[in-house]
Amino acid sequence: MVIGYVLISTAPAKEHEVYNELLKFKEIVELHPLFGEYDLIAKIEFDDFNQFGQIVVDQIMTIKEATDTNTLTSIKF
């Protein structure tokens, strides 16, 4: 299992709508609102990088009010 994070920008005043849509995805294990450049951060668990890409492109970026993402993957030391 691999863990990734997605920083998400939303359309103005649409943070709650995007947040509620993201709660529907079982791969998102944590979701938090942010202050600053991005509006939300989602922690995602996935089996391989193709699955991570599918989650971001096919699920998160299809939310109309989600305007931008930045993805980060974690490693173990």
Protein backbone atom coordinates (compact mmCIF):
# COMPACT_ATOMS: atom_id res chain seq x y z
CA MET A 1 0.00 0.00 0.00
CA VAL A 2 1.28 3.45 -0.93
CA ILE A 3 0.14 6.79 0.49
CA GLY A 4 -0.28 9.97 -1.48
CA TYR A 5 -1.54 13.45 -0.75
CA VAL A 6 -3.53 15.70 -3.04
CA LEU A 7 -3.65 19.44 -2.48
CA ILE A 8 -6.85 20.78 -4.01
CA SER A 9 -7.91 24.28 -5.01
CA THR A 10 -11.62 24.98 -5.40
CA ALA A 11 -13.71 27.62 -7.10
CA PRO A 12 -14.44 30.56 -4.79
CA ALA A 13 -16.85 29.66 -1.97
CA LYS A 14 -17.13 26.03 -3.18
CA GLU A 15 -14.90 24.42 -0.53
CA HIS A 16 -17.83 22.74 1.26
CA GLU A 17 -19.24 21.29 -1.96
CA VAL A 18 -15.91 19.79 -3.01
CA TYR A 19 -15.27 18.52 0.53
CA ASN A 20 -18.61 16.71 0.59
CA GLU A 21 -17.98 15.16 -2.84
CA LEU A 22 -14.53 13.94 -1.78
CA LEU A 23 -16.01 12.20 1.27
CA LYS A 24 -17.67 9.75 -1.14
CA PHE A 25 -14.35 8.25 -2.31
CA LYS A 26 -13.31 5.22 -0.25
CA GLU A 27 -9.62 5.68 -1.17
CA ILE A 28 -9.52 9.01 0.69
CA VAL A 29 -8.66 8.11 4.27
CA GLU A 30 -8.25 11.68 5.57
CA LEU A 31 -9.56 15.01 4.33
CA HIS A 32 -8.80 18.41 5.82
CA PRO A 33 -9.60 22.03 4.92
CA LEU A 34 -6.62 24.38 4.60
CA PHE A 35 -5.86 28.08 4.68
CA GLY A 36 -3.49 29.37 2.03
CA GLU A 37 -2.79 28.54 -1.58
CA TYR A 38 -4.83 25.32 -1.49
CA ASP A 39 -8.26 24.77 0.04
CA LEU A 40 -8.19 21.05 0.90
CA ILE A 41 -5.73 18.22 1.42
CA ALA A 42 -6.70 14.58 0.88
CA LYS A 43 -4.69 11.60 2.08
CA ILE A 44 -5.15 8.67 -0.28
CA GLU A 45 -4.18 5.02 0.05
CA PHE A 46 -3.57 3.11 -3.15
CA ASP A 47 -1.92 -0.07 -4.42
CA ASP A 48 0.07 1.33 -7.35
CA PHE A 49 0.78 4.62 -9.08
CA ASN A 50 -1.66 3.90 -11.90
CA GLN A 51 -4.46 3.68 -9.36
CA PHE A 52 -3.33 6.96 -7.80
CA GLY A 53 -3.45 8.63 -11.21
CA GLN A 54 -6.91 7.26 -11.86
CA ILE A 55 -8.18 8.55 -8.53
CA VAL A 56 -6.84 12.04 -9.20
CA VAL A 57 -7.77 12.32 -12.88
CA ASP A 58 -10.97 10.26 -13.06
CA GLN A 59 -12.48 11.15 -9.69
CA ILE A 60 -11.07 14.30 -8.10
CA MET A 61 -10.55 16.34 -11.25
CA THR A 62 -14.03 15.49 -12.52
CA ILE A 63 -15.51 17.52 -9.66
CA LYS A 64 -16.50 20.71 -11.46
CA GLU A 65 -15.60 23.01 -8.55
CA ALA A 66 -12.13 21.45 -8.06
CA THR A 67 -10.00 23.82 -10.12
CA ASP A 68 -6.44 22.62 -9.48
CA THR A 69 -4.49 19.83 -7.79
CA ASN A 70 -0.95 19.16 -6.71
CA THR A 71 -0.03 15.56 -5.93
CA LEU A 72 2.58 14.30 -3.50
CA THR A 73 3.60 10.73 -2.76
CA SER A 74 5.29 9.55 0.40
CA ILE A 75 8.15 7.13 0.92
CA LYS A 76 9.37 5.12 3.88
CA PHE A 77 12.85 5.60 5.32
